[in-house]
């Protein structure tokens, strides 16, 4: 999965693209690319710069560029916190979700 994510981010690093462009350039199935964009956008790694009907064009955010750099280095740790977490729940758990590769 990590290599697929890197393929998608590498293409977005070059220029803003739509999911069909990414699927065509990477050979990944379009449904996987679409699903990835939904997750990447929700996490703030990509943003929509054009939307008309179902056609959307995405670009990499600065956070997305940091993720790509970490994937290029092959060593990273991701701390994910949702906006729905309250200060109380974060303090109580005192352990954010961490993913290491």
C-alpha atoms as a PDB file:
ATOM      1  CA  UNK A   1       0.000   0.000   0.000  1.00  0.00           C
ATOM      2  CA  UNK A   2       2.835   2.396   0.833  1.00  0.00           C
ATOM      3  CA  UNK A   3       4.209   2.246  -2.719  1.00  0.00           C
ATOM      4  CA  UNK A   4       0.760   3.009  -4.156  1.00  0.00           C
ATOM      5  CA  UNK A   5       0.430   6.041  -1.920  1.00  0.00           C
ATOM      6  CA  UNK A   6       3.862   7.219  -2.985  1.00  0.00           C
ATOM      7  CA  UNK A   7       2.961   6.829  -6.676  1.00  0.00           C
ATOM      8  CA  UNK A   8      -0.121   8.992  -6.196  1.00  0.00           C
ATOM      9  CA  UNK A   9       1.729  11.649  -4.207  1.00  0.00           C
ATOM     10  CA  UNK A  10       4.634  11.744  -6.679  1.00  0.00           C
ATOM     11  CA  UNK A  11       2.227  12.505  -9.528  1.00  0.00           C
ATOM     12  CA  UNK A  12       0.505  15.226  -7.506  1.00  0.00           C
ATOM     13  CA  UNK A  13       3.885  16.714  -6.623  1.00  0.00           C
ATOM     14  CA  UNK A  14       4.559  17.234 -10.340  1.00  0.00           C
ATOM     15  CA  UNK A  15       1.271  19.048 -10.980  1.00  0.00           C
ATOM     16  CA  UNK A  16      -2.385  19.183  -9.896  1.00  0.00           C
ATOM     17  CA  UNK A  17      -4.281  16.226 -11.337  1.00  0.00           C
ATOM     18  CA  UNK A  18      -7.629  14.476 -11.341  1.00  0.00           C
ATOM     19  CA  UNK A  19      -8.034  10.829 -10.293  1.00  0.00           C
ATOM     20  CA  UNK A  20      -8.294   9.677 -13.929  1.00  0.00           C
ATOM     21  CA  UNK A  21      -4.935  11.291 -14.734  1.00  0.00           C
ATOM     22  CA  UNK A  22      -3.305   9.558 -11.776  1.00  0.00           C
ATOM     23  CA  UNK A  23      -4.827   6.193 -12.700  1.00  0.00           C
ATOM     24  CA  UNK A  24      -3.594   6.556 -16.275  1.00  0.00           C
ATOM     25  CA  UNK A  25      -0.065   7.596 -15.317  1.00  0.00           C
ATOM     26  CA  UNK A  26       0.421   5.046 -12.524  1.00  0.00           C
ATOM     27  CA  UNK A  27      -1.556   2.059 -13.791  1.00  0.00           C
ATOM     28  CA  UNK A  28      -3.471   1.909 -10.503  1.00  0.00           C
ATOM     29  CA  UNK A  29      -7.193   1.099 -10.694  1.00  0.00           C
ATOM     30  CA  UNK A  30      -9.298   4.272 -10.796  1.00  0.00           C
ATOM     31  CA  UNK A  31     -11.444   3.130  -7.852  1.00  0.00           C
ATOM     32  CA  UNK A  32      -8.309   2.813  -5.673  1.00  0.00           C
ATOM     33  CA  UNK A  33      -7.137   6.266  -6.698  1.00  0.00           C
ATOM     34  CA  UNK A  34     -10.574   7.757  -5.954  1.00  0.00           C
ATOM     35  CA  UNK A  35     -10.693   6.107  -2.528  1.00  0.00           C
ATOM     36  CA  UNK A  36      -7.175   7.339  -1.804  1.00  0.00           C
ATOM     37  CA  UNK A  37      -8.123  10.905  -2.692  1.00  0.00           C
ATOM     38  CA  UNK A  38     -11.074  10.811  -0.309  1.00  0.00           C
ATOM     39  CA  UNK A  39      -8.834   9.712   2.559  1.00  0.00           C
ATOM     40  CA  UNK A  40      -5.956  12.035   1.628  1.00  0.00           C
ATOM     41  CA  UNK A  41      -8.301  15.011   1.440  1.00  0.00           C
ATOM     42  CA  UNK A  42      -9.935  14.183   4.779  1.00  0.00           C
ATOM     43  CA  UNK A  43      -6.487  14.027   6.393  1.00  0.00           C
ATOM     44  CA  UNK A  44      -5.340  17.292   4.804  1.00  0.00           C
ATOM     45  CA  UNK A  45      -2.689  15.862   2.470  1.00  0.00           C
ATOM     46  CA  UNK A  46      -4.463  17.034  -0.712  1.00  0.00           C
ATOM     47  CA  UNK A  47      -6.973  19.743  -1.473  1.00  0.00           C
ATOM     48  CA  UNK A  48      -9.499  20.255  -4.250  1.00  0.00           C
ATOM     49  CA  UNK A  49      -8.603  23.177  -6.506  1.00  0.00           C
ATOM     50  CA  UNK A  50     -11.364  22.648  -9.087  1.00  0.00           C
ATOM     51  CA  UNK A  51     -14.743  20.990  -8.819  1.00  0.00           C
ATOM     52  CA  UNK A  52     -17.545  20.831 -11.353  1.00  0.00           C
ATOM     53  CA  UNK A  53     -20.103  18.080 -11.088  1.00  0.00           C
ATOM     54  CA  UNK A  54     -18.162  14.916 -10.353  1.00  0.00           C
ATOM     55  CA  UNK A  55     -14.929  16.205 -11.925  1.00  0.00           C
ATOM     56  CA  UNK A  56     -12.337  17.326  -9.382  1.00  0.00           C
ATOM     57  CA  UNK A  57      -8.731  18.397  -9.643  1.00  0.00           C
ATOM     58  CA  UNK A  58      -6.510  17.973  -6.611  1.00  0.00           C
ATOM     59  CA  UNK A  59      -3.181  19.378  -5.535  1.00  0.00           C
ATOM     60  CA  UNK A  60      -0.739  18.379  -2.845  1.00  0.00           C
ATOM     61  CA  UNK A  61      -0.765  20.481   0.335  1.00  0.00           C
ATOM     62  CA  UNK A  62       2.363  21.360   2.302  1.00  0.00           C
ATOM     63  CA  UNK A  63       1.421  18.551   4.701  1.00  0.00           C
ATOM     64  CA  UNK A  64       1.170  16.217   1.708  1.00  0.00           C
ATOM     65  CA  UNK A  65       4.643  17.284   0.594  1.00  0.00           C
ATOM     66  CA  UNK A  66       5.969  16.396   4.054  1.00  0.00           C
ATOM     67  CA  UNK A  67       4.333  12.976   3.824  1.00  0.00           C
ATOM     68  CA  UNK A  68       5.866  12.415   0.388  1.00  0.00           C
ATOM     69  CA  UNK A  69       9.301  13.384   1.698  1.00  0.00           C
ATOM     70  CA  UNK A  70       8.907  10.919   4.569  1.00  0.00           C
ATOM     71  CA  UNK A  71       7.883   8.173   2.132  1.00  0.00           C
ATOM     72  CA  UNK A  72      10.924   8.951  -0.019  1.00  0.00           C
ATOM     73  CA  UNK A  73      13.180   8.591   3.032  1.00  0.00           C
ATOM     74  CA  UNK A  74      11.473   5.354   3.995  1.00  0.00           C
ATOM     75  CA  UNK A  75      11.304   6.206   7.674  1.00  0.00           C
ATOM     76  CA  UNK A  76       8.426   8.060   9.233  1.00  0.00           C
ATOM     77  CA  UNK A  77       6.017   8.269  12.120  1.00  0.00           C
ATOM     78  CA  UNK A  78       2.514   9.672  11.710  1.00  0.00           C
ATOM     79  CA  UNK A  79       0.497  11.109  14.578  1.00  0.00           C
ATOM     80  CA  UNK A  80      -3.173  11.274  13.548  1.00  0.00           C
ATOM     81  CA  UNK A  81      -5.711  13.207  15.574  1.00  0.00           C
ATOM     82  CA  UNK A  82      -9.170  13.978  14.331  1.00  0.00           C
ATOM     83  CA  UNK A  83     -10.914  17.287  14.890  1.00  0.00           C
ATOM     84  CA  UNK A  84     -13.583  15.324  16.762  1.00  0.00           C
ATOM     85  CA  UNK A  85     -11.211  14.419  19.557  1.00  0.00           C
ATOM     86  CA  UNK A  86     -11.703  16.705  22.496  1.00  0.00           C
ATOM     87  CA  UNK A  87      -8.916  17.997  24.674  1.00  0.00           C
ATOM     88  CA  UNK A  88     -10.287  15.826  27.475  1.00  0.00           C
ATOM     89  CA  UNK A  89     -10.229  12.590  25.471  1.00  0.00           C
ATOM     90  CA  UNK A  90      -6.745  13.321  24.161  1.00  0.00           C
ATOM     91  CA  UNK A  91      -5.488  14.064  27.668  1.00  0.00           C
ATOM     92  CA  UNK A  92      -7.180  10.956  29.055  1.00  0.00           C
ATOM     93  CA  UNK A  93      -5.740   8.628  26.422  1.00  0.00           C
ATOM     94  CA  UNK A  94      -2.373  10.411  26.288  1.00  0.00           C
ATOM     95  CA  UNK A  95      -1.490   8.185  23.351  1.00  0.00           C
ATOM     96  CA  UNK A  96      -2.272   9.334  19.803  1.00  0.00           C
ATOM     97  CA  UNK A  97      -2.512   6.784  17.035  1.00  0.00           C
ATOM     98  CA  UNK A  98       1.012   6.233  15.702  1.00  0.00           C
ATOM     99  CA  UNK A  99       1.983   4.385  12.549  1.00  0.00           C
ATOM    100  CA  UNK A 100       5.599   3.432  11.960  1.00  0.00           C
ATOM    101  CA  UNK A 101       7.181   1.954   8.868  1.00  0.00           C
END
